[in-house]
Amino acid sequence: MLLDIVNYGDPVLRQKGERVEQITPEITQLIDDMLETMHEAHGIGLAAQQVGKALQLTMVDVTDVEDRPSRMSIDGEAVKPEDYMPLILLNPEWTVVGDTKEEAPEGCLSFPEVYGNINRHEEIDVMAMDEKGEAVAFRCGGLLARAIQHEWDHLQGILFIDRMDAITRAELKPEINAIQVETTKGLGNQR
């Protein structure tokens, strides 16, 4: 079932997600619905906050992105990232590998048509629980690492506009404010 993606201005986007302790039928259904929603919206990532649920649940699928490569390795062996997509990550944690950072453009499904350059770590180690409740651990780089950091931020109530430099954010202020006003109006109508 397609879910509504909440836009900037909805307070749930600023909420830190609660840990998912077990895979219940409700969590499984939410995962299925979020996957369908993410693919329908042509996104490469989606966090539970973006569909109105403050949970430590996110997903990433970089399969169809050819112009921004991704790398992935498991237990030191390089693997094809597309063989592991979509990645369902519950309670994810990550640590930096090396000190290389890269500035690149990002967008967000909760900020329609807003894009800005964000500086992120180029390579990270990720640990999480998958949709079966099993532990997963891998190293990733490139777009996959960027997408996971972006989605992890959502789980902490951090938005990509918080990571923009002041000049970029100032340039995008009219578009960001317009989204917030529209969302706030919609929330007011629901009460």
N, C-alpha and C. Protein backbone atom coordinates (compact mmCIF):
# COMPACT_ATOMS: atom_id res chain seq x y z
N MET A 1 0.84 -1.18 0.00
CA MET A 1 0.00 0.00 0.00
C MET A 1 0.89 1.25 0.00
N LEU A 2 0.58 2.18 -0.87
CA LEU A 2 1.35 3.42 -0.90
C LEU A 2 1.03 4.27 0.33
N LEU A 3 2.08 4.81 0.91
CA LEU A 3 1.94 5.67 2.08
C LEU A 3 2.18 7.12 1.67
N ASP A 4 1.63 8.05 2.42
CA ASP A 4 1.90 9.47 2.18
C ASP A 4 3.28 9.81 2.72
N ILE A 5 4.06 10.49 1.92
CA ILE A 5 5.37 10.97 2.36
C ILE A 5 5.16 12.35 2.97
N VAL A 6 5.59 12.50 4.23
CA VAL A 6 5.41 13.79 4.89
C VAL A 6 6.49 14.77 4.44
N ASN A 7 6.11 16.02 4.33
CA ASN A 7 7.04 17.05 3.90
C ASN A 7 7.55 17.87 5.07
N TYR A 8 8.60 18.62 4.80
CA TYR A 8 9.21 19.50 5.79
C TYR A 8 8.14 20.39 6.41
N GLY A 9 8.19 20.50 7.73
CA GLY A 9 7.19 21.25 8.47
C GLY A 9 6.38 20.32 9.36
N ASP A 10 6.34 19.03 9.00
CA ASP A 10 5.66 18.05 9.85
C ASP A 10 6.60 17.71 11.01
N PRO A 11 6.13 17.85 12.25
CA PRO A 11 7.01 17.63 13.41
C PRO A 11 7.64 16.23 13.50
N VAL A 12 7.02 15.23 12.89
CA VAL A 12 7.58 13.87 12.97
C VAL A 12 8.98 13.79 12.35
N LEU A 13 9.27 14.67 11.39
CA LEU A 13 10.60 14.65 10.76
C LEU A 13 11.71 15.06 11.73
N ARG A 14 11.34 15.69 12.82
CA ARG A 14 12.33 16.13 13.82
C ARG A 14 12.39 15.18 15.03
N GLN A 15 11.65 14.06 14.96
CA GLN A 15 11.64 13.12 16.08
C GLN A 15 12.68 12.03 15.89
N LYS A 16 13.41 11.74 16.96
CA LYS A 16 14.33 10.62 16.93
C LYS A 16 13.51 9.34 16.99
N GLY A 17 13.84 8.38 16.16
CA GLY A 17 13.08 7.14 16.09
C GLY A 17 13.33 6.22 17.27
N GLU A 18 12.29 5.51 17.67
CA GLU A 18 12.41 4.49 18.71
C GLU A 18 13.03 3.23 18.09
N ARG A 19 13.83 2.52 18.90
CA ARG A 19 14.43 1.27 18.44
C ARG A 19 13.34 0.25 18.11
N VAL A 20 13.59 -0.56 17.11
CA VAL A 20 12.70 -1.67 16.77
C VAL A 20 13.29 -2.91 17.43
N GLU A 21 12.60 -3.44 18.42
CA GLU A 21 13.13 -4.56 19.20
C GLU A 21 12.79 -5.92 18.60
N GLN A 22 11.67 -6.00 17.88
CA GLN A 22 11.33 -7.27 17.25
C GLN A 22 10.57 -7.03 15.97
N ILE A 23 10.64 -8.03 15.08
CA ILE A 23 9.97 -7.93 13.80
C ILE A 23 8.55 -8.47 13.97
N THR A 24 7.61 -7.55 14.08
CA THR A 24 6.20 -7.92 14.24
C THR A 24 5.54 -7.91 12.86
N PRO A 25 4.35 -8.47 12.75
CA PRO A 25 3.62 -8.37 11.48
C PRO A 25 3.41 -6.91 11.05
N GLU A 26 3.23 -6.02 12.03
CA GLU A 26 3.04 -4.60 11.70
C GLU A 26 4.31 -3.99 11.10
N ILE A 27 5.47 -4.38 11.65
CA ILE A 27 6.75 -3.89 11.11
C ILE A 27 6.97 -4.44 9.70
N THR A 28 6.68 -5.72 9.51
CA THR A 28 6.83 -6.33 8.18
C THR A 28 5.94 -5.62 7.16
N GLN A 29 4.70 -5.32 7.55
CA GLN A 29 3.79 -4.61 6.64
C GLN A 29 4.30 -3.20 6.36
N LEU A 30 4.80 -2.52 7.40
CA LEU A 30 5.35 -1.18 7.21
C LEU A 30 6.53 -1.21 6.23
N ILE A 31 7.41 -2.20 6.38
CA ILE A 31 8.55 -2.34 5.47
C ILE A 31 8.06 -2.50 4.03
N ASP A 32 7.09 -3.40 3.82
CA ASP A 32 6.55 -3.62 2.46
C ASP A 32 5.95 -2.34 1.90
N ASP A 33 5.17 -1.64 2.72
CA ASP A 33 4.53 -0.40 2.27
C ASP A 33 5.56 0.69 1.98
N MET A 34 6.59 0.78 2.83
CA MET A 34 7.64 1.79 2.61
C MET A 34 8.41 1.49 1.33
N LEU A 35 8.70 0.22 1.07
CA LEU A 35 9.41 -0.14 -0.18
C LEU A 35 8.60 0.28 -1.40
N GLU A 36 7.32 -0.04 -1.37
CA GLU A 36 6.46 0.32 -2.49
C GLU A 36 6.41 1.84 -2.66
N THR A 37 6.31 2.55 -1.54
CA THR A 37 6.25 4.02 -1.56
C THR A 37 7.55 4.61 -2.10
N MET A 38 8.69 4.09 -1.63
CA MET A 38 9.99 4.60 -2.07
C MET A 38 10.16 4.41 -3.58
N HIS A 39 9.84 3.21 -4.07
CA HIS A 39 10.01 2.94 -5.50
C HIS A 39 9.05 3.77 -6.34
N GLU A 40 7.82 3.92 -5.88
CA GLU A 40 6.84 4.72 -6.62
C GLU A 40 7.29 6.19 -6.71
N ALA A 41 7.95 6.67 -5.65
CA ALA A 41 8.41 8.06 -5.62
C ALA A 41 9.77 8.24 -6.30
N HIS A 42 10.34 7.14 -6.81
CA HIS A 42 11.66 7.16 -7.45
C HIS A 42 12.75 7.65 -6.51
N GLY A 43 12.62 7.26 -5.24
CA GLY A 43 13.64 7.62 -4.25
C GLY A 43 14.68 6.51 -4.15
N ILE A 44 15.84 6.85 -3.59
CA ILE A 44 16.86 5.83 -3.33
C ILE A 44 16.94 5.51 -1.84
N GLY A 45 16.13 6.19 -1.04
CA GLY A 45 16.10 5.91 0.39
C GLY A 45 14.81 6.46 0.99
N LEU A 46 14.41 5.84 2.11
CA LEU A 46 13.21 6.31 2.80
C LEU A 46 13.33 5.89 4.25
N ALA A 47 13.06 6.83 5.15
CA ALA A 47 13.09 6.57 6.58
C ALA A 47 11.66 6.56 7.12
N ALA A 48 11.45 5.83 8.20
CA ALA A 48 10.11 5.72 8.78
C ALA A 48 9.51 7.09 9.11
N GLN A 49 10.34 8.04 9.56
CA GLN A 49 9.83 9.38 9.87
C GLN A 49 9.15 10.00 8.65
N GLN A 50 9.64 9.67 7.46
CA GLN A 50 9.09 10.27 6.24
C GLN A 50 7.70 9.75 5.89
N VAL A 51 7.27 8.68 6.57
CA VAL A 51 5.90 8.21 6.40
C VAL A 51 5.13 8.32 7.72
N GLY A 52 5.63 9.19 8.60
CA GLY A 52 4.91 9.52 9.82
C GLY A 52 5.14 8.61 11.00
N LYS A 53 6.17 7.76 10.97
CA LYS A 53 6.44 6.82 12.07
C LYS A 53 7.83 7.11 12.63
N ALA A 54 7.91 7.44 13.90
CA ALA A 54 9.21 7.73 14.53
C ALA A 54 9.84 6.43 15.02
N LEU A 55 10.42 5.69 14.08
CA LEU A 55 11.07 4.41 14.35
C LEU A 55 12.47 4.39 13.75
N GLN A 56 13.33 3.53 14.29
CA GLN A 56 14.67 3.33 13.73
C GLN A 56 14.58 2.31 12.59
N LEU A 57 13.96 2.72 11.50
CA LEU A 57 13.76 1.87 10.33
C LEU A 57 13.97 2.70 9.08
N THR A 58 14.87 2.22 8.23
CA THR A 58 15.10 2.91 6.97
C THR A 58 15.42 1.88 5.89
N MET A 59 15.42 2.33 4.67
CA MET A 59 15.75 1.46 3.54
C MET A 59 16.45 2.27 2.48
N VAL A 60 17.29 1.56 1.71
CA VAL A 60 18.05 2.20 0.64
C VAL A 60 18.06 1.25 -0.55
N ASP A 61 17.95 1.82 -1.75
CA ASP A 61 18.07 1.04 -2.98
C ASP A 61 18.72 1.92 -4.03
N VAL A 62 20.00 1.64 -4.30
CA VAL A 62 20.76 2.44 -5.28
C VAL A 62 20.88 1.72 -6.62
N THR A 63 20.06 0.69 -6.83
CA THR A 63 20.16 -0.16 -8.02
C THR A 63 20.13 0.63 -9.32
N ASP A 64 19.23 1.58 -9.44
CA ASP A 64 19.02 2.25 -10.73
C ASP A 64 19.87 3.49 -10.94
N VAL A 65 20.81 3.76 -10.05
CA VAL A 65 21.65 4.96 -10.19
C VAL A 65 22.97 4.55 -10.83
N GLU A 66 23.16 4.98 -12.07
CA GLU A 66 24.36 4.56 -12.80
C GLU A 66 25.44 5.64 -12.85
N ASP A 67 25.05 6.91 -12.65
CA ASP A 67 26.03 7.99 -12.78
C ASP A 67 26.77 8.30 -11.48
N ARG A 68 26.38 7.67 -10.37
CA ARG A 68 27.05 7.88 -9.09
C ARG A 68 27.30 6.50 -8.47
N PRO A 69 28.50 5.97 -8.64
CA PRO A 69 28.78 4.59 -8.24
C PRO A 69 28.74 4.36 -6.73
N SER A 70 28.44 3.12 -6.38
CA SER A 70 28.43 2.66 -4.99
C SER A 70 29.39 1.49 -4.87
N ARG A 71 29.99 1.37 -3.68
CA ARG A 71 30.84 0.21 -3.37
C ARG A 71 30.32 -0.44 -2.12
N MET A 72 30.55 -1.76 -2.02
CA MET A 72 30.10 -2.49 -0.84
C MET A 72 31.00 -3.70 -0.64
N SER A 73 31.34 -3.98 0.61
CA SER A 73 32.09 -5.20 0.92
C SER A 73 31.56 -5.80 2.21
N ILE A 74 31.60 -7.13 2.26
CA ILE A 74 31.16 -7.88 3.43
C ILE A 74 32.32 -8.78 3.85
N ASP A 75 32.71 -8.68 5.11
CA ASP A 75 33.85 -9.46 5.63
C ASP A 75 35.10 -9.28 4.76
N GLY A 76 35.31 -8.05 4.29
CA GLY A 76 36.51 -7.74 3.51
C GLY A 76 36.44 -8.14 2.04
N GLU A 77 35.37 -8.77 1.61
CA GLU A 77 35.21 -9.19 0.21
C GLU A 77 34.29 -8.21 -0.52
N ALA A 78 34.77 -7.69 -1.65
CA ALA A 78 33.94 -6.79 -2.45
C ALA A 78 32.75 -7.56 -3.01
N VAL A 79 31.58 -6.96 -2.94
CA VAL A 79 30.36 -7.54 -3.50
C VAL A 79 29.68 -6.49 -4.37
N LYS A 80 28.76 -6.94 -5.20
CA LYS A 80 27.98 -6.01 -6.01
C LYS A 80 26.85 -5.45 -5.16
N PRO A 81 26.81 -4.14 -4.94
CA PRO A 81 25.74 -3.57 -4.11
C PRO A 81 24.34 -3.96 -4.59
N GLU A 82 24.15 -4.01 -5.93
CA GLU A 82 22.80 -4.30 -6.44
C GLU A 82 22.30 -5.68 -6.02
N ASP A 83 23.22 -6.60 -5.69
CA ASP A 83 22.80 -7.93 -5.22
C ASP A 83 22.19 -7.88 -3.82
N TYR A 84 22.35 -6.78 -3.12
CA TYR A 84 21.86 -6.65 -1.75
C TYR A 84 20.74 -5.62 -1.61
N MET A 85 20.27 -5.12 -2.75
CA MET A 85 19.22 -4.10 -2.73
C MET A 85 17.85 -4.75 -2.84
N PRO A 86 16.83 -4.17 -2.26
CA PRO A 86 16.93 -3.04 -1.35
C PRO A 86 17.47 -3.47 0.01
N LEU A 87 18.21 -2.58 0.64
CA LEU A 87 18.72 -2.80 1.99
C LEU A 87 17.69 -2.29 2.99
N ILE A 88 17.26 -3.18 3.88
CA ILE A 88 16.36 -2.78 4.96
C ILE A 88 17.22 -2.72 6.22
N LEU A 89 17.25 -1.57 6.88
CA LEU A 89 18.11 -1.37 8.03
C LEU A 89 17.30 -0.92 9.24
N LEU A 90 17.30 -1.75 10.28
CA LEU A 90 16.64 -1.42 11.53
C LEU A 90 17.71 -1.14 12.57
N ASN A 91 17.53 -0.09 13.35
CA ASN A 91 18.47 0.32 14.40
C ASN A 91 19.90 0.45 13.85
N PRO A 92 20.08 1.07 12.70
CA PRO A 92 21.42 1.12 12.12
C PRO A 92 22.38 2.01 12.89
N GLU A 93 23.64 1.63 12.85
CA GLU A 93 24.75 2.43 13.39
C GLU A 93 25.83 2.43 12.32
N TRP A 94 26.62 3.48 12.28
CA TRP A 94 27.73 3.49 11.33
C TRP A 94 28.92 4.19 11.95
N THR A 95 30.10 3.83 11.44
CA THR A 95 31.34 4.47 11.85
C THR A 95 32.13 4.85 10.59
N VAL A 96 32.90 5.88 10.72
CA VAL A 96 33.68 6.40 9.60
C VAL A 96 34.88 5.50 9.32
N VAL A 97 35.17 5.31 8.04
CA VAL A 97 36.38 4.61 7.61
C VAL A 97 37.26 5.66 6.92
N GLY A 98 38.44 5.91 7.44
CA GLY A 98 39.30 6.93 6.85
C GLY A 98 38.77 8.32 7.14
N ASP A 99 39.41 9.32 6.53
CA ASP A 99 38.94 10.68 6.78
C ASP A 99 38.59 11.43 5.51
N THR A 100 38.32 10.68 4.44
CA THR A 100 37.93 11.32 3.19
C THR A 100 36.46 11.69 3.23
N LYS A 101 36.20 12.95 2.87
CA LYS A 101 34.82 13.43 2.75
C LYS A 101 34.63 13.90 1.32
N GLU A 102 33.38 13.92 0.92
CA GLU A 102 33.08 14.36 -0.44
C GLU A 102 31.82 15.22 -0.41
N GLU A 103 31.86 16.32 -1.14
CA GLU A 103 30.69 17.16 -1.28
C GLU A 103 29.98 16.78 -2.57
N ALA A 104 28.69 16.51 -2.47
CA ALA A 104 27.91 16.11 -3.65
C ALA A 104 26.46 16.51 -3.44
N PRO A 105 25.71 16.60 -4.54
CA PRO A 105 24.31 17.01 -4.43
C PRO A 105 23.44 15.93 -3.80
N GLU A 106 22.47 16.38 -3.00
CA GLU A 106 21.48 15.50 -2.41
C GLU A 106 20.11 16.14 -2.56
N GLY A 107 19.13 15.27 -2.63
CA GLY A 107 17.74 15.69 -2.57
C GLY A 107 17.08 14.88 -1.46
N CYS A 108 15.79 15.11 -1.24
CA CYS A 108 15.08 14.39 -0.20
C CYS A 108 13.61 14.36 -0.57
N LEU A 109 12.98 13.19 -0.43
CA LEU A 109 11.57 13.07 -0.78
C LEU A 109 10.67 13.97 0.07
N SER A 110 11.14 14.39 1.23
CA SER A 110 10.35 15.29 2.09
C SER A 110 10.57 16.76 1.75
N PHE A 111 11.43 17.02 0.75
CA PHE A 111 11.71 18.37 0.25
C PHE A 111 11.60 18.34 -1.27
N PRO A 112 10.38 18.24 -1.82
CA PRO A 112 10.25 18.11 -3.27
C PRO A 112 10.98 19.23 -4.02
N GLU A 113 11.77 18.81 -5.00
CA GLU A 113 12.48 19.74 -5.90
C GLU A 113 13.55 20.59 -5.23
N VAL A 114 14.00 20.23 -4.04
CA VAL A 114 15.07 20.97 -3.37
C VAL A 114 16.33 20.09 -3.40
N TYR A 115 17.43 20.65 -3.89
CA TYR A 115 18.70 19.93 -3.97
C TYR A 115 19.81 20.85 -3.49
N GLY A 116 20.76 20.28 -2.79
CA GLY A 116 21.90 21.06 -2.33
C GLY A 116 23.10 20.18 -2.09
N ASN A 117 24.28 20.76 -2.18
CA ASN A 117 25.51 20.00 -1.93
C ASN A 117 25.69 19.79 -0.43
N ILE A 118 26.02 18.54 -0.08
CA ILE A 118 26.23 18.16 1.31
C ILE A 118 27.57 17.44 1.40
N ASN A 119 28.33 17.76 2.43
CA ASN A 119 29.62 17.13 2.67
C ASN A 119 29.41 15.89 3.56
N ARG A 120 29.77 14.73 3.06
CA ARG A 120 29.58 13.48 3.81
C ARG A 120 30.85 12.64 3.76
N HIS A 121 30.93 11.70 4.71
CA HIS A 121 32.05 10.74 4.71
C HIS A 121 31.93 9.84 3.48
N GLU A 122 33.06 9.58 2.85
CA GLU A 122 33.08 8.82 1.60
C GLU A 122 32.92 7.31 1.85
N GLU A 123 33.38 6.84 3.00
CA GLU A 123 33.30 5.40 3.27
C GLU A 123 32.94 5.17 4.73
N ILE A 124 32.03 4.22 4.97
CA ILE A 124 31.58 3.93 6.33
C ILE A 124 31.39 2.43 6.53
N ASP A 125 31.46 2.01 7.79
CA ASP A 125 31.07 0.66 8.19
C ASP A 125 29.69 0.75 8.81
N VAL A 126 28.81 -0.17 8.42
CA VAL A 126 27.42 -0.14 8.87
C VAL A 126 27.08 -1.44 9.61
N MET A 127 26.37 -1.30 10.72
CA MET A 127 25.82 -2.45 11.44
C MET A 127 24.35 -2.16 11.68
N ALA A 128 23.50 -3.18 11.46
CA ALA A 128 22.07 -3.01 11.64
C ALA A 128 21.42 -4.37 11.79
N MET A 129 20.11 -4.34 11.90
CA MET A 129 19.31 -5.56 11.87
C MET A 129 18.53 -5.52 10.55
N ASP A 130 18.38 -6.67 9.90
CA ASP A 130 17.62 -6.67 8.65
C ASP A 130 16.16 -7.00 8.91
N GLU A 131 15.39 -7.12 7.84
CA GLU A 131 13.94 -7.34 7.96
C GLU A 131 13.58 -8.69 8.57
N LYS A 132 14.57 -9.58 8.69
CA LYS A 132 14.33 -10.89 9.33
C LYS A 132 14.75 -10.87 10.80
N GLY A 133 15.30 -9.73 11.24
CA GLY A 133 15.77 -9.64 12.62
C GLY A 133 17.20 -10.12 12.79
N GLU A 134 17.90 -10.34 11.67
CA GLU A 134 19.28 -10.82 11.72
C GLU A 134 20.26 -9.65 11.62
N ALA A 135 21.40 -9.81 12.28
CA ALA A 135 22.44 -8.77 12.24
C ALA A 135 23.08 -8.73 10.86
N VAL A 136 23.30 -7.53 10.37
CA VAL A 136 24.03 -7.33 9.11
C VAL A 136 25.15 -6.34 9.37
N ALA A 137 26.27 -6.57 8.70
CA ALA A 137 27.41 -5.65 8.81
C ALA A 137 28.10 -5.60 7.46
N PHE A 138 28.45 -4.40 7.03
CA PHE A 138 29.12 -4.23 5.75
C PHE A 138 29.84 -2.90 5.72
N ARG A 139 30.76 -2.77 4.77
CA ARG A 139 31.44 -1.51 4.50
C ARG A 139 30.90 -1.01 3.17
N CYS A 140 30.71 0.30 3.07
CA CYS A 140 30.24 0.83 1.80
C CYS A 140 30.86 2.19 1.52
N GLY A 141 30.83 2.55 0.27
CA GLY A 141 31.38 3.83 -0.16
C GLY A 141 30.56 4.40 -1.30
N GLY A 142 30.90 5.62 -1.68
CA GLY A 142 30.21 6.27 -2.78
C GLY A 142 28.78 6.63 -2.43
N LEU A 143 27.90 6.50 -3.40
CA LEU A 143 26.50 6.90 -3.21
C LEU A 143 25.82 6.10 -2.10
N LEU A 144 26.13 4.81 -1.98
CA LEU A 144 25.50 3.99 -0.94
C LEU A 144 25.82 4.54 0.45
N ALA A 145 27.08 4.89 0.67
CA ALA A 145 27.48 5.47 1.97
C ALA A 145 26.76 6.79 2.20
N ARG A 146 26.67 7.61 1.18
CA ARG A 146 25.97 8.90 1.29
C ARG A 146 24.49 8.69 1.63
N ALA A 147 23.84 7.77 0.92
CA ALA A 147 22.42 7.52 1.14
C ALA A 147 22.17 7.01 2.56
N ILE A 148 23.02 6.13 3.05
CA ILE A 148 22.83 5.59 4.40
C ILE A 148 23.02 6.69 5.44
N GLN A 149 24.01 7.56 5.25
CA GLN A 149 24.19 8.67 6.19
C GLN A 149 22.99 9.61 6.17
N HIS A 150 22.45 9.88 4.99
CA HIS A 150 21.27 10.74 4.85
C HIS A 150 20.08 10.12 5.59
N GLU A 151 19.86 8.82 5.37
CA GLU A 151 18.72 8.15 6.01
C GLU A 151 18.93 8.02 7.52
N TRP A 152 20.17 7.73 7.95
CA TRP A 152 20.46 7.65 9.38
C TRP A 152 20.15 8.98 10.05
N ASP A 153 20.50 10.07 9.39
CA ASP A 153 20.16 11.40 9.93
C ASP A 153 18.66 11.50 10.18
N HIS A 154 17.84 11.05 9.21
CA HIS A 154 16.38 11.09 9.40
C HIS A 154 15.99 10.39 10.69
N LEU A 155 16.62 9.25 10.98
CA LEU A 155 16.27 8.46 12.16
C LEU A 155 16.61 9.20 13.45
N GLN A 156 17.50 10.19 13.35
CA GLN A 156 17.88 11.01 14.51
C GLN A 156 17.12 12.34 14.56
N GLY A 157 16.25 12.57 13.59
CA GLY A 157 15.52 13.84 13.53
C GLY A 157 16.34 14.95 12.89
N ILE A 158 17.39 14.57 12.15
CA ILE A 158 18.25 15.54 11.47
C ILE A 158 17.88 15.54 9.98
N LEU A 159 17.79 16.71 9.39
CA LEU A 159 17.42 16.82 7.98
C LEU A 159 18.60 17.31 7.15
N PHE A 160 18.59 17.00 5.87
CA PHE A 160 19.74 17.35 5.04
C PHE A 160 19.97 18.86 4.96
N ILE A 161 18.94 19.65 5.18
CA ILE A 161 19.13 21.10 5.19
C ILE A 161 20.00 21.51 6.38
N ASP A 162 20.00 20.69 7.45
CA ASP A 162 20.84 20.98 8.61
C ASP A 162 22.32 20.81 8.28
N ARG A 163 22.61 20.04 7.25
CA ARG A 163 24.00 19.75 6.86
C ARG A 163 24.50 20.68 5.75
N MET A 164 23.62 21.52 5.24
CA MET A 164 24.03 22.45 4.17
C MET A 164 24.84 23.58 4.74
N ASP A 165 25.76 24.12 3.93
CA ASP A 165 26.47 25.31 4.38
C ASP A 165 25.49 26.49 4.32
N ALA A 166 25.86 27.55 5.02
CA ALA A 166 24.96 28.69 5.18
C ALA A 166 24.57 29.32 3.84
N ILE A 167 25.50 29.37 2.91
CA ILE A 167 25.21 30.00 1.61
C ILE A 167 24.17 29.19 0.84
N THR A 168 24.36 27.87 0.79
CA THR A 168 23.42 27.00 0.07
C THR A 168 22.04 27.10 0.72
N ARG A 169 22.01 27.03 2.04
CA ARG A 169 20.72 27.08 2.73
C ARG A 169 20.02 28.43 2.49
N ALA A 170 20.79 29.50 2.47
CA ALA A 170 20.21 30.83 2.22
C ALA A 170 19.63 30.90 0.80
N GLU A 171 20.35 30.31 -0.16
CA GLU A 171 19.87 30.31 -1.56
C GLU A 171 18.57 29.53 -1.69
N LEU A 172 18.42 28.46 -0.90
CA LEU A 172 17.24 27.59 -1.00
C LEU A 172 16.11 28.00 -0.04
N LYS A 173 16.35 29.02 0.76
CA LYS A 173 15.38 29.43 1.78
C LYS A 173 13.97 29.64 1.23
N PRO A 174 13.78 30.33 0.11
CA PRO A 174 12.41 30.52 -0.39
C PRO A 174 11.69 29.20 -0.67
N GLU A 175 12.38 28.23 -1.31
CA GLU A 175 11.76 26.94 -1.62
C GLU A 175 11.46 26.16 -0.34
N ILE A 176 12.41 26.18 0.60
CA ILE A 176 12.25 25.45 1.87
C ILE A 176 11.08 26.05 2.66
N ASN A 177 11.02 27.37 2.73
CA ASN A 177 9.93 28.04 3.46
C ASN A 177 8.58 27.74 2.83
N ALA A 178 8.53 27.69 1.49
CA ALA A 178 7.27 27.41 0.80
C ALA A 178 6.76 26.01 1.15
N ILE A 179 7.66 25.04 1.22
CA ILE A 179 7.27 23.67 1.58
C ILE A 179 6.73 23.66 3.01
N GLN A 180 7.44 24.33 3.90
CA GLN A 180 7.04 24.37 5.31
C GLN A 180 5.66 25.02 5.48
N VAL A 181 5.43 26.12 4.79
CA VAL A 181 4.14 26.82 4.89
C VAL A 181 3.02 25.91 4.38
N GLU A 182 3.24 25.26 3.25
CA GLU A 182 2.23 24.38 2.67
C GLU A 182 1.92 23.21 3.61
N THR A 183 2.96 22.63 4.20
CA THR A 183 2.79 21.50 5.12
C THR A 183 2.04 21.95 6.37
N THR A 184 2.43 23.08 6.93
CA THR A 184 1.80 23.59 8.15
C THR A 184 0.33 23.89 7.90
N LYS A 185 0.02 24.43 6.71
CA LYS A 185 -1.37 24.68 6.35
C LYS A 185 -2.15 23.38 6.33
N GLY A 186 -1.56 22.36 5.71
CA GLY A 186 -2.21 21.04 5.61
C GLY A 186 -2.43 20.43 6.99
N LEU A 187 -1.44 20.57 7.88
CA LEU A 187 -1.58 20.04 9.24
C LEU A 187 -2.68 20.76 9.99
N GLY A 188 -2.76 22.06 9.78
CA GLY A 188 -3.81 22.84 10.43
C GLY A 188 -5.19 22.41 10.01
N ASN A 189 -5.34 22.01 8.73
CA ASN A 189 -6.63 21.56 8.21
C ASN A 189 -7.03 20.20 8.77
N GLN A 190 -6.06 19.41 9.23
CA GLN A 190 -6.35 18.08 9.76
C GLN A 190 -6.83 18.11 11.20
N ARG A 191 -6.63 19.23 11.86
CA ARG A 191 -6.98 19.32 13.28
C ARG A 191 -8.42 19.70 13.49
